């Protein structure tokens, strides 16, 4: 990158607009996969959380999706009716339940995510980005972590005590694990 290129000032909000566009594309992809599975968007988000996090207690899933038990119970009923998830006894405490993907649910999510990885790989090639999917996802993880660190740092510097406003649309928040399974730096 040349010196002139490095000093070009972009209009305020350029990064926000680009990230917003990526989130919109991701949301459209989730909606498409949800339709194909015959479930709603929230149902698909629940399946994705279980897929990435493994067996999950209902209260934890509800917290991730910002849903109370009155909303979560019918969602879990739908996932069970479709054969994608099941409620099973917790292995250490029979009073608790775990939500697990069924083999059908695992296969459906494997297929959806494999297809999306293929689409992203094709898009990377189409726009001339080298290094493949692994390099791209590593860069996104590093960038997400670096942005999260700076947001947390700015909040601490400014003495922010408000708890809201920084949640991601998928229910994750700064300082929580992201889908790659790696730890966010603010958890350390």
N, C-alpha and C. Protein backbone atom coordinates (compact mmCIF):
# COMPACT_ATOMS: atom_id res chain seq x y z
N UNK A 1 0.85 -1.17 0.00
CA UNK A 1 0.00 0.00 0.00
C UNK A 1 0.89 1.23 0.00
N UNK A 2 0.66 2.15 -0.93
CA UNK A 2 1.46 3.35 -1.03
C UNK A 2 1.12 4.34 0.06
N UNK A 3 2.03 5.33 0.25
CA UNK A 3 1.82 6.33 1.30
C UNK A 3 0.58 7.15 1.05
N UNK A 4 0.31 7.54 -0.20
CA UNK A 4 -0.87 8.33 -0.51
C UNK A 4 -2.14 7.54 -0.20
N UNK A 5 -2.10 6.25 -0.47
CA UNK A 5 -3.26 5.40 -0.22
C UNK A 5 -3.55 5.29 1.28
N UNK A 6 -2.51 5.27 2.09
CA UNK A 6 -2.67 5.10 3.53
C UNK A 6 -3.24 6.33 4.19
N UNK A 7 -3.10 7.52 3.58
CA UNK A 7 -3.54 8.75 4.22
C UNK A 7 -4.88 9.24 3.71
N UNK A 8 -5.52 8.53 2.81
CA UNK A 8 -6.82 8.94 2.30
C UNK A 8 -7.85 8.88 3.41
N UNK A 9 -8.55 9.96 3.62
CA UNK A 9 -9.60 10.01 4.64
C UNK A 9 -10.91 9.53 4.04
N UNK A 10 -11.52 8.58 4.72
CA UNK A 10 -12.82 8.06 4.29
C UNK A 10 -13.90 8.83 5.03
N UNK A 11 -15.07 8.95 4.41
CA UNK A 11 -16.17 9.63 5.11
C UNK A 11 -16.52 8.91 6.40
N UNK A 12 -16.94 9.67 7.39
CA UNK A 12 -17.36 9.08 8.68
C UNK A 12 -18.47 8.08 8.42
N UNK A 13 -18.42 6.96 9.10
CA UNK A 13 -19.45 5.94 8.96
C UNK A 13 -19.18 4.93 7.86
N UNK A 14 -18.05 5.03 7.16
CA UNK A 14 -17.74 4.11 6.07
C UNK A 14 -17.65 2.67 6.58
N UNK A 15 -16.94 2.46 7.67
CA UNK A 15 -16.81 1.11 8.23
C UNK A 15 -18.16 0.61 8.72
N UNK A 16 -18.91 1.47 9.37
CA UNK A 16 -20.23 1.08 9.88
C UNK A 16 -21.14 0.64 8.74
N UNK A 17 -21.12 1.37 7.65
CA UNK A 17 -21.96 1.03 6.50
C UNK A 17 -21.55 -0.32 5.90
N UNK A 18 -20.25 -0.54 5.77
CA UNK A 18 -19.78 -1.80 5.19
C UNK A 18 -20.12 -2.98 6.11
N UNK A 19 -19.91 -2.82 7.41
CA UNK A 19 -20.23 -3.89 8.35
C UNK A 19 -21.73 -4.13 8.37
N UNK A 20 -22.50 -3.07 8.32
CA UNK A 20 -23.96 -3.20 8.28
C UNK A 20 -24.39 -4.01 7.05
N UNK A 21 -23.75 -3.76 5.93
CA UNK A 21 -24.08 -4.49 4.70
C UNK A 21 -23.75 -5.98 4.85
N UNK A 22 -22.60 -6.29 5.44
CA UNK A 22 -22.23 -7.69 5.68
C UNK A 22 -23.27 -8.35 6.59
N UNK A 23 -23.69 -7.67 7.64
CA UNK A 23 -24.70 -8.22 8.55
C UNK A 23 -26.03 -8.45 7.83
N UNK A 24 -26.41 -7.53 6.94
CA UNK A 24 -27.64 -7.70 6.18
C UNK A 24 -27.56 -8.91 5.25
N UNK A 25 -26.43 -9.10 4.62
CA UNK A 25 -26.24 -10.26 3.74
C UNK A 25 -26.31 -11.54 4.58
N UNK A 26 -25.66 -11.54 5.74
CA UNK A 26 -25.71 -12.69 6.62
C UNK A 26 -27.13 -12.99 7.08
N UNK A 27 -27.89 -11.94 7.39
CA UNK A 27 -29.27 -12.12 7.81
C UNK A 27 -30.11 -12.70 6.67
N UNK A 28 -29.88 -12.23 5.45
CA UNK A 28 -30.61 -12.76 4.29
C UNK A 28 -30.26 -14.24 4.09
N UNK A 29 -28.99 -14.60 4.29
CA UNK A 29 -28.58 -16.00 4.16
C UNK A 29 -29.27 -16.85 5.22
N UNK A 30 -29.28 -16.37 6.48
CA UNK A 30 -29.96 -17.12 7.55
C UNK A 30 -31.43 -17.30 7.24
N UNK A 31 -32.07 -16.26 6.74
CA UNK A 31 -33.50 -16.34 6.40
C UNK A 31 -33.72 -17.36 5.29
N UNK A 32 -32.84 -17.40 4.31
CA UNK A 32 -32.95 -18.36 3.22
C UNK A 32 -32.81 -19.79 3.74
N UNK A 33 -31.81 -20.04 4.57
CA UNK A 33 -31.62 -21.37 5.12
C UNK A 33 -32.78 -21.76 6.04
N UNK A 34 -33.29 -20.81 6.81
CA UNK A 34 -34.45 -21.09 7.68
C UNK A 34 -35.64 -21.54 6.84
N UNK A 35 -35.90 -20.82 5.75
CA UNK A 35 -37.03 -21.19 4.87
C UNK A 35 -36.86 -22.61 4.33
N UNK A 36 -35.63 -22.92 3.90
CA UNK A 36 -35.37 -24.26 3.35
C UNK A 36 -35.59 -25.35 4.39
N UNK A 37 -35.29 -25.05 5.64
CA UNK A 37 -35.49 -26.03 6.70
C UNK A 37 -36.93 -26.05 7.21
N UNK A 38 -37.72 -25.09 6.75
CA UNK A 38 -39.12 -25.02 7.17
C UNK A 38 -39.31 -24.46 8.56
N UNK A 39 -38.35 -23.62 8.99
CA UNK A 39 -38.44 -23.02 10.32
C UNK A 39 -38.34 -21.50 10.19
N UNK A 40 -38.61 -20.81 11.28
CA UNK A 40 -38.49 -19.36 11.31
C UNK A 40 -37.06 -18.92 11.59
N UNK A 41 -36.85 -17.62 11.48
CA UNK A 41 -35.51 -17.05 11.69
C UNK A 41 -35.00 -17.33 13.10
N UNK A 42 -35.85 -17.13 14.11
CA UNK A 42 -35.43 -17.39 15.49
C UNK A 42 -35.12 -18.86 15.71
N UNK A 43 -35.90 -19.73 15.08
CA UNK A 43 -35.65 -21.16 15.18
C UNK A 43 -34.27 -21.49 14.61
N UNK A 44 -33.96 -20.89 13.45
CA UNK A 44 -32.67 -21.13 12.82
C UNK A 44 -31.53 -20.60 13.69
N UNK A 45 -31.72 -19.42 14.27
CA UNK A 45 -30.69 -18.88 15.16
C UNK A 45 -30.45 -19.81 16.34
N UNK A 46 -31.52 -20.39 16.89
CA UNK A 46 -31.37 -21.35 17.98
C UNK A 46 -30.57 -22.57 17.52
N UNK A 47 -30.89 -23.08 16.34
CA UNK A 47 -30.14 -24.23 15.80
C UNK A 47 -28.66 -23.87 15.64
N UNK A 48 -28.39 -22.67 15.15
CA UNK A 48 -27.00 -22.24 14.96
C UNK A 48 -26.27 -22.16 16.29
N UNK A 49 -26.93 -21.64 17.32
CA UNK A 49 -26.29 -21.57 18.64
C UNK A 49 -25.97 -22.96 19.16
N UNK A 50 -26.92 -23.87 19.04
CA UNK A 50 -26.69 -25.23 19.52
C UNK A 50 -25.58 -25.89 18.70
N UNK A 51 -25.58 -25.64 17.40
CA UNK A 51 -24.56 -26.20 16.52
C UNK A 51 -23.16 -25.76 16.96
N UNK A 52 -22.99 -24.46 17.23
CA UNK A 52 -21.68 -23.94 17.60
C UNK A 52 -21.30 -24.22 19.05
N UNK A 53 -22.28 -24.18 19.96
CA UNK A 53 -21.98 -24.28 21.38
C UNK A 53 -22.13 -25.68 21.94
N UNK A 54 -22.78 -26.55 21.20
CA UNK A 54 -23.03 -27.89 21.70
C UNK A 54 -24.27 -27.90 22.58
N UNK A 55 -24.50 -29.01 23.27
CA UNK A 55 -25.68 -29.11 24.12
C UNK A 55 -25.80 -27.89 25.04
N UNK A 56 -26.99 -27.35 25.10
CA UNK A 56 -27.22 -26.07 25.76
C UNK A 56 -28.43 -26.17 26.68
N UNK A 57 -28.33 -25.61 27.85
CA UNK A 57 -29.49 -25.55 28.73
C UNK A 57 -30.50 -24.55 28.18
N UNK A 58 -31.78 -24.82 28.34
CA UNK A 58 -32.79 -23.89 27.83
C UNK A 58 -32.60 -22.46 28.31
N UNK A 59 -32.28 -22.28 29.58
CA UNK A 59 -32.13 -20.90 30.09
C UNK A 59 -30.96 -20.19 29.41
N UNK A 60 -29.88 -20.93 29.11
CA UNK A 60 -28.73 -20.32 28.44
C UNK A 60 -29.08 -19.96 26.99
N UNK A 61 -29.81 -20.85 26.34
CA UNK A 61 -30.24 -20.56 24.97
C UNK A 61 -31.18 -19.36 24.96
N UNK A 62 -32.10 -19.33 25.91
CA UNK A 62 -33.01 -18.19 26.02
C UNK A 62 -32.26 -16.88 26.23
N UNK A 63 -31.23 -16.91 27.07
CA UNK A 63 -30.43 -15.70 27.30
C UNK A 63 -29.72 -15.28 26.02
N UNK A 64 -29.16 -16.24 25.29
CA UNK A 64 -28.46 -15.93 24.03
C UNK A 64 -29.39 -15.31 22.99
N UNK A 65 -30.63 -15.79 22.98
CA UNK A 65 -31.60 -15.31 22.00
C UNK A 65 -32.47 -14.17 22.54
N UNK A 66 -32.23 -13.77 23.78
CA UNK A 66 -33.02 -12.74 24.44
C UNK A 66 -34.50 -13.12 24.46
N UNK A 67 -34.77 -14.36 24.88
CA UNK A 67 -36.13 -14.88 24.93
C UNK A 67 -36.41 -15.42 26.32
N UNK A 68 -37.62 -15.18 26.78
CA UNK A 68 -38.07 -15.78 28.01
C UNK A 68 -38.60 -17.18 27.74
N UNK A 69 -38.93 -17.89 28.82
CA UNK A 69 -39.39 -19.27 28.66
C UNK A 69 -40.70 -19.35 27.90
N UNK A 70 -41.54 -18.32 28.00
CA UNK A 70 -42.81 -18.32 27.27
C UNK A 70 -42.64 -18.28 25.76
N UNK A 71 -41.54 -17.75 25.30
CA UNK A 71 -41.24 -17.71 23.86
C UNK A 71 -40.36 -18.89 23.47
N UNK A 72 -39.43 -19.24 24.35
CA UNK A 72 -38.48 -20.30 24.03
C UNK A 72 -39.14 -21.68 23.98
N UNK A 73 -40.07 -21.95 24.88
CA UNK A 73 -40.71 -23.27 24.91
C UNK A 73 -41.38 -23.61 23.59
N UNK A 74 -42.21 -22.72 23.02
CA UNK A 74 -42.80 -23.06 21.71
C UNK A 74 -41.75 -23.19 20.59
N UNK A 75 -40.67 -22.41 20.67
CA UNK A 75 -39.60 -22.53 19.68
C UNK A 75 -38.99 -23.93 19.77
N UNK A 76 -38.69 -24.40 20.97
CA UNK A 76 -38.12 -25.73 21.14
C UNK A 76 -39.11 -26.81 20.71
N UNK A 77 -40.40 -26.58 20.97
CA UNK A 77 -41.42 -27.52 20.51
C UNK A 77 -41.38 -27.65 18.98
N UNK A 78 -41.25 -26.50 18.29
CA UNK A 78 -41.19 -26.53 16.82
C UNK A 78 -39.96 -27.28 16.33
N UNK A 79 -38.81 -27.02 16.96
CA UNK A 79 -37.58 -27.70 16.54
C UNK A 79 -37.68 -29.20 16.76
N UNK A 80 -38.32 -29.59 17.84
CA UNK A 80 -38.53 -31.03 18.09
C UNK A 80 -39.51 -31.61 17.08
N UNK A 81 -40.58 -30.89 16.76
CA UNK A 81 -41.56 -31.37 15.79
C UNK A 81 -40.93 -31.57 14.42
N UNK A 82 -39.98 -30.72 14.06
CA UNK A 82 -39.28 -30.85 12.77
C UNK A 82 -38.18 -31.91 12.83
N UNK A 83 -37.87 -32.39 14.01
CA UNK A 83 -36.84 -33.41 14.15
C UNK A 83 -35.42 -32.88 14.18
N UNK A 84 -35.25 -31.56 14.42
CA UNK A 84 -33.93 -30.95 14.40
C UNK A 84 -33.25 -30.91 15.77
N UNK A 85 -34.03 -30.90 16.85
CA UNK A 85 -33.47 -30.79 18.19
C UNK A 85 -34.28 -31.64 19.15
N UNK A 86 -33.66 -31.93 20.28
CA UNK A 86 -34.35 -32.72 21.32
C UNK A 86 -33.96 -32.19 22.68
N UNK A 87 -34.87 -32.31 23.63
CA UNK A 87 -34.59 -32.00 25.03
C UNK A 87 -34.19 -33.31 25.70
N UNK A 88 -33.02 -33.31 26.31
CA UNK A 88 -32.52 -34.52 26.96
C UNK A 88 -32.15 -34.19 28.40
N UNK A 89 -32.15 -35.18 29.28
CA UNK A 89 -31.74 -34.93 30.66
C UNK A 89 -30.27 -34.52 30.72
N UNK A 90 -29.96 -33.61 31.61
CA UNK A 90 -28.57 -33.20 31.85
C UNK A 90 -27.85 -34.38 32.50
N UNK A 91 -26.65 -34.71 32.03
CA UNK A 91 -25.97 -35.91 32.56
C UNK A 91 -25.56 -35.80 34.03
N UNK A 92 -25.40 -34.58 34.55
CA UNK A 92 -24.96 -34.41 35.93
C UNK A 92 -26.08 -34.01 36.88
N UNK A 93 -27.20 -33.55 36.33
CA UNK A 93 -28.30 -33.09 37.18
C UNK A 93 -29.61 -33.38 36.45
N UNK A 94 -30.28 -34.45 36.87
CA UNK A 94 -31.49 -34.87 36.17
C UNK A 94 -32.62 -33.85 36.26
N UNK A 95 -32.51 -32.88 37.14
CA UNK A 95 -33.54 -31.84 37.23
C UNK A 95 -33.45 -30.85 36.07
N UNK A 96 -32.30 -30.82 35.41
CA UNK A 96 -32.07 -29.89 34.31
C UNK A 96 -32.14 -30.62 32.97
N UNK A 97 -32.38 -29.82 31.93
CA UNK A 97 -32.43 -30.35 30.57
C UNK A 97 -31.31 -29.75 29.74
N UNK A 98 -30.95 -30.46 28.69
CA UNK A 98 -30.06 -29.94 27.66
C UNK A 98 -30.79 -30.02 26.33
N UNK A 99 -30.57 -29.02 25.50
CA UNK A 99 -31.09 -29.02 24.14
C UNK A 99 -29.94 -29.49 23.26
N UNK A 100 -30.18 -30.53 22.49
CA UNK A 100 -29.16 -31.09 21.60
C UNK A 100 -29.70 -31.15 20.18
N UNK A 101 -28.79 -31.10 19.22
CA UNK A 101 -29.19 -31.35 17.84
C UNK A 101 -29.38 -32.85 17.65
N UNK A 102 -30.40 -33.20 16.93
CA UNK A 102 -30.59 -34.59 16.54
C UNK A 102 -29.66 -34.87 15.36
N UNK A 103 -29.49 -36.12 14.98
CA UNK A 103 -28.69 -36.38 13.76
C UNK A 103 -29.23 -35.62 12.55
N UNK A 104 -30.56 -35.52 12.44
CA UNK A 104 -31.15 -34.77 11.33
C UNK A 104 -30.80 -33.28 11.44
N UNK A 105 -30.85 -32.74 12.65
CA UNK A 105 -30.50 -31.33 12.85
C UNK A 105 -29.03 -31.07 12.58
N UNK A 106 -28.17 -31.98 13.02
CA UNK A 106 -26.74 -31.85 12.77
C UNK A 106 -26.46 -31.88 11.27
N UNK A 107 -27.09 -32.80 10.57
CA UNK A 107 -26.87 -32.91 9.12
C UNK A 107 -27.37 -31.66 8.40
N UNK A 108 -28.52 -31.14 8.83
CA UNK A 108 -29.07 -29.94 8.18
C UNK A 108 -28.15 -28.74 8.38
N UNK A 109 -27.61 -28.58 9.59
CA UNK A 109 -26.74 -27.45 9.85
C UNK A 109 -25.37 -27.64 9.19
N UNK A 110 -24.86 -28.88 9.19
CA UNK A 110 -23.61 -29.15 8.46
C UNK A 110 -23.75 -28.74 7.00
N UNK A 111 -24.87 -29.12 6.39
CA UNK A 111 -25.10 -28.81 4.97
C UNK A 111 -25.23 -27.31 4.75
N UNK A 112 -25.98 -26.63 5.61
CA UNK A 112 -26.17 -25.18 5.45
C UNK A 112 -24.84 -24.44 5.57
N UNK A 113 -24.06 -24.78 6.60
CA UNK A 113 -22.79 -24.08 6.80
C UNK A 113 -21.76 -24.44 5.74
N UNK A 114 -21.76 -25.68 5.27
CA UNK A 114 -20.84 -26.06 4.19
C UNK A 114 -21.19 -25.30 2.91
N UNK A 115 -22.49 -25.19 2.63
CA UNK A 115 -22.90 -24.44 1.44
C UNK A 115 -22.48 -22.98 1.55
N UNK A 116 -22.70 -22.39 2.72
CA UNK A 116 -22.34 -20.98 2.89
C UNK A 116 -20.83 -20.79 2.78
N UNK A 117 -20.05 -21.71 3.35
CA UNK A 117 -18.60 -21.63 3.20
C UNK A 117 -18.21 -21.66 1.72
N UNK A 118 -18.90 -22.50 0.95
CA UNK A 118 -18.64 -22.57 -0.50
C UNK A 118 -18.97 -21.26 -1.19
N UNK A 119 -20.08 -20.65 -0.80
CA UNK A 119 -20.47 -19.36 -1.38
C UNK A 119 -19.43 -18.30 -1.06
N UNK A 120 -18.97 -18.26 0.18
CA UNK A 120 -17.97 -17.27 0.57
C UNK A 120 -16.66 -17.52 -0.18
N UNK A 121 -16.27 -18.77 -0.32
CA UNK A 121 -15.05 -19.10 -1.06
C UNK A 121 -15.16 -18.62 -2.50
N UNK A 122 -16.29 -18.87 -3.13
CA UNK A 122 -16.51 -18.40 -4.51
C UNK A 122 -16.46 -16.88 -4.58
N UNK A 123 -17.06 -16.21 -3.60
CA UNK A 123 -17.07 -14.74 -3.58
C UNK A 123 -15.65 -14.19 -3.40
N UNK A 124 -14.88 -14.82 -2.53
CA UNK A 124 -13.49 -14.39 -2.35
C UNK A 124 -12.71 -14.48 -3.65
N UNK A 125 -12.91 -15.58 -4.37
CA UNK A 125 -12.24 -15.74 -5.66
C UNK A 125 -12.75 -14.71 -6.67
N UNK A 126 -14.05 -14.44 -6.65
CA UNK A 126 -14.65 -13.50 -7.60
C UNK A 126 -14.12 -12.08 -7.42
N UNK A 127 -13.82 -11.70 -6.16
CA UNK A 127 -13.31 -10.34 -5.94
C UNK A 127 -11.79 -10.30 -5.86
N UNK A 128 -11.15 -11.45 -6.13
CA UNK A 128 -9.70 -11.48 -6.23
C UNK A 128 -8.95 -11.49 -4.91
N UNK A 129 -9.59 -11.92 -3.83
CA UNK A 129 -8.88 -12.02 -2.55
C UNK A 129 -8.22 -13.39 -2.45
N UNK A 130 -6.94 -13.38 -2.20
CA UNK A 130 -6.21 -14.64 -2.13
C UNK A 130 -6.14 -15.13 -0.69
N UNK A 131 -5.77 -16.37 -0.53
CA UNK A 131 -5.58 -16.94 0.79
C UNK A 131 -6.69 -17.87 1.22
N UNK A 132 -7.79 -17.85 0.54
CA UNK A 132 -8.87 -18.78 0.81
C UNK A 132 -9.67 -18.46 2.05
N UNK A 133 -10.57 -19.38 2.33
CA UNK A 133 -11.52 -19.22 3.42
C UNK A 133 -10.83 -19.18 4.78
N UNK A 134 -9.82 -20.00 4.98
CA UNK A 134 -9.12 -20.02 6.27
C UNK A 134 -8.50 -18.69 6.61
N UNK A 135 -7.82 -18.11 5.64
CA UNK A 135 -7.18 -16.81 5.86
C UNK A 135 -8.23 -15.74 6.11
N UNK A 136 -9.32 -15.78 5.34
CA UNK A 136 -10.38 -14.79 5.47
C UNK A 136 -11.03 -14.87 6.85
N UNK A 137 -11.39 -16.08 7.29
CA UNK A 137 -12.05 -16.20 8.59
C UNK A 137 -11.10 -15.84 9.73
N UNK A 138 -9.82 -16.15 9.58
CA UNK A 138 -8.85 -15.76 10.59
C UNK A 138 -8.77 -14.24 10.69
N UNK A 139 -8.74 -13.58 9.53
CA UNK A 139 -8.71 -12.12 9.51
C UNK A 139 -9.97 -11.54 10.17
N UNK A 140 -11.14 -12.10 9.85
CA UNK A 140 -12.37 -11.60 10.47
C UNK A 140 -12.35 -11.78 11.98
N UNK A 141 -11.88 -12.95 12.44
CA UNK A 141 -11.78 -13.19 13.88
C UNK A 141 -10.84 -12.18 14.54
N UNK A 142 -9.68 -11.97 13.93
CA UNK A 142 -8.72 -11.02 14.49
C UNK A 142 -9.29 -9.61 14.50
N UNK A 143 -9.94 -9.23 13.42
CA UNK A 143 -10.54 -7.90 13.33
C UNK A 143 -11.65 -7.73 14.37
N UNK A 144 -12.51 -8.74 14.51
CA UNK A 144 -13.58 -8.68 15.51
C UNK A 144 -13.01 -8.53 16.91
N UNK A 145 -11.99 -9.32 17.22
CA UNK A 145 -11.36 -9.24 18.53
C UNK A 145 -10.75 -7.86 18.77
N UNK A 146 -10.06 -7.34 17.77
CA UNK A 146 -9.42 -6.03 17.91
C UNK A 146 -10.46 -4.92 18.10
N UNK A 147 -11.55 -4.99 17.35
CA UNK A 147 -12.62 -3.99 17.50
C UNK A 147 -13.25 -4.12 18.89
N UNK A 148 -13.54 -5.36 19.32
CA UNK A 148 -14.15 -5.57 20.64
C UNK A 148 -13.25 -5.02 21.75
N UNK A 149 -11.95 -5.28 21.66
CA UNK A 149 -11.02 -4.76 22.66
C UNK A 149 -11.08 -3.25 22.74
N UNK A 150 -11.14 -2.61 21.59
CA UNK A 150 -11.15 -1.15 21.56
C UNK A 150 -12.47 -0.58 22.08
N UNK A 151 -13.56 -1.24 21.78
CA UNK A 151 -14.86 -0.77 22.30
C UNK A 151 -14.88 -0.89 23.81
N UNK A 152 -14.46 -2.04 24.33
CA UNK A 152 -14.43 -2.24 25.79
C UNK A 152 -13.50 -1.21 26.42
N UNK A 153 -12.35 -0.99 25.83
CA UNK A 153 -11.39 -0.02 26.36
C UNK A 153 -12.00 1.38 26.39
N UNK A 154 -12.67 1.78 25.31
CA UNK A 154 -13.29 3.11 25.27
C UNK A 154 -14.39 3.24 26.32
N UNK A 155 -15.17 2.18 26.51
CA UNK A 155 -16.22 2.21 27.53
C UNK A 155 -15.60 2.37 28.91
N UNK A 156 -14.51 1.66 29.17
CA UNK A 156 -13.85 1.76 30.47
C UNK A 156 -13.25 3.14 30.67
N UNK A 157 -12.65 3.69 29.61
CA UNK A 157 -12.07 5.04 29.70
C UNK A 157 -13.13 6.08 30.01
N UNK A 158 -14.30 5.92 29.42
CA UNK A 158 -15.36 6.91 29.59
C UNK A 158 -16.24 6.61 30.79
N UNK A 159 -15.95 5.49 31.48
CA UNK A 159 -16.71 5.15 32.67
C UNK A 159 -18.15 4.78 32.37
N UNK A 160 -18.35 4.18 31.21
CA UNK A 160 -19.70 3.80 30.81
C UNK A 160 -20.26 2.76 31.76
N UNK A 161 -21.45 3.01 32.26
CA UNK A 161 -22.11 2.04 33.12
C UNK A 161 -23.39 1.53 32.49
N UNK A 162 -23.73 2.02 31.32
CA UNK A 162 -24.95 1.52 30.68
C UNK A 162 -24.68 0.13 30.15
N UNK A 163 -25.63 -0.77 30.35
CA UNK A 163 -25.44 -2.15 29.95
C UNK A 163 -25.91 -2.45 28.55
N UNK A 164 -26.53 -1.53 27.89
CA UNK A 164 -27.14 -1.85 26.59
C UNK A 164 -26.44 -1.19 25.44
N UNK A 165 -26.92 -1.55 24.27
CA UNK A 165 -26.49 -0.88 23.06
C UNK A 165 -25.38 -1.54 22.31
N UNK A 166 -24.74 -2.58 22.86
CA UNK A 166 -23.62 -3.17 22.14
C UNK A 166 -23.84 -4.63 21.80
N UNK A 167 -25.06 -5.12 21.93
CA UNK A 167 -25.32 -6.52 21.60
C UNK A 167 -25.33 -6.73 20.11
N UNK A 168 -24.84 -7.88 19.67
CA UNK A 168 -24.91 -8.22 18.26
C UNK A 168 -26.27 -8.81 17.99
N UNK A 169 -26.69 -8.73 16.75
CA UNK A 169 -28.02 -9.22 16.38
C UNK A 169 -28.23 -10.70 16.62
N UNK A 170 -27.17 -11.45 16.72
CA UNK A 170 -27.33 -12.89 16.92
C UNK A 170 -27.36 -13.27 18.40
N UNK A 171 -27.36 -12.29 19.30
CA UNK A 171 -27.46 -12.57 20.71
C UNK A 171 -26.12 -12.61 21.42
N UNK A 172 -25.01 -12.64 20.70
CA UNK A 172 -23.71 -12.57 21.35
C UNK A 172 -23.42 -11.13 21.72
N UNK A 173 -22.61 -10.95 22.72
CA UNK A 173 -22.23 -9.61 23.14
C UNK A 173 -20.72 -9.55 23.24
N UNK A 174 -20.20 -8.35 23.32
CA UNK A 174 -18.76 -8.21 23.47
C UNK A 174 -18.32 -9.00 24.68
N UNK A 175 -17.23 -9.71 24.52
CA UNK A 175 -16.70 -10.48 25.62
C UNK A 175 -17.25 -11.90 25.69
N UNK A 176 -18.04 -12.31 24.72
CA UNK A 176 -18.53 -13.68 24.70
C UNK A 176 -17.91 -14.40 23.52
N UNK A 177 -17.96 -15.71 23.56
CA UNK A 177 -17.37 -16.50 22.47
C UNK A 177 -18.04 -16.19 21.16
N UNK A 178 -17.27 -16.15 20.12
CA UNK A 178 -17.86 -15.99 18.80
C UNK A 178 -17.88 -17.34 18.10
N UNK A 179 -18.64 -17.44 16.99
CA UNK A 179 -18.92 -18.75 16.39
C UNK A 179 -17.72 -19.57 15.98
N UNK A 180 -16.57 -18.97 15.83
CA UNK A 180 -15.41 -19.77 15.44
C UNK A 180 -14.95 -20.68 16.55
N UNK A 181 -15.50 -20.46 17.74
CA UNK A 181 -15.12 -21.27 18.87
C UNK A 181 -13.90 -20.72 19.60
N UNK A 182 -13.38 -19.59 19.13
CA UNK A 182 -12.24 -18.99 19.80
C UNK A 182 -12.74 -18.02 20.85
N UNK A 183 -11.87 -17.71 21.76
CA UNK A 183 -12.22 -16.85 22.87
C UNK A 183 -12.07 -15.40 22.47
N UNK A 184 -13.02 -14.55 22.90
CA UNK A 184 -12.86 -13.12 22.72
C UNK A 184 -11.86 -12.61 23.74
N UNK A 185 -11.05 -11.61 23.39
CA UNK A 185 -10.00 -11.16 24.29
C UNK A 185 -10.54 -10.58 25.59
N UNK A 186 -11.72 -10.04 25.59
CA UNK A 186 -12.24 -9.43 26.81
C UNK A 186 -12.65 -10.47 27.84
N UNK A 187 -12.61 -11.79 27.48
CA UNK A 187 -12.90 -12.83 28.45
C UNK A 187 -11.67 -13.22 29.25
N UNK A 188 -10.51 -12.83 28.80
CA UNK A 188 -9.26 -13.27 29.44
C UNK A 188 -9.07 -12.60 30.78
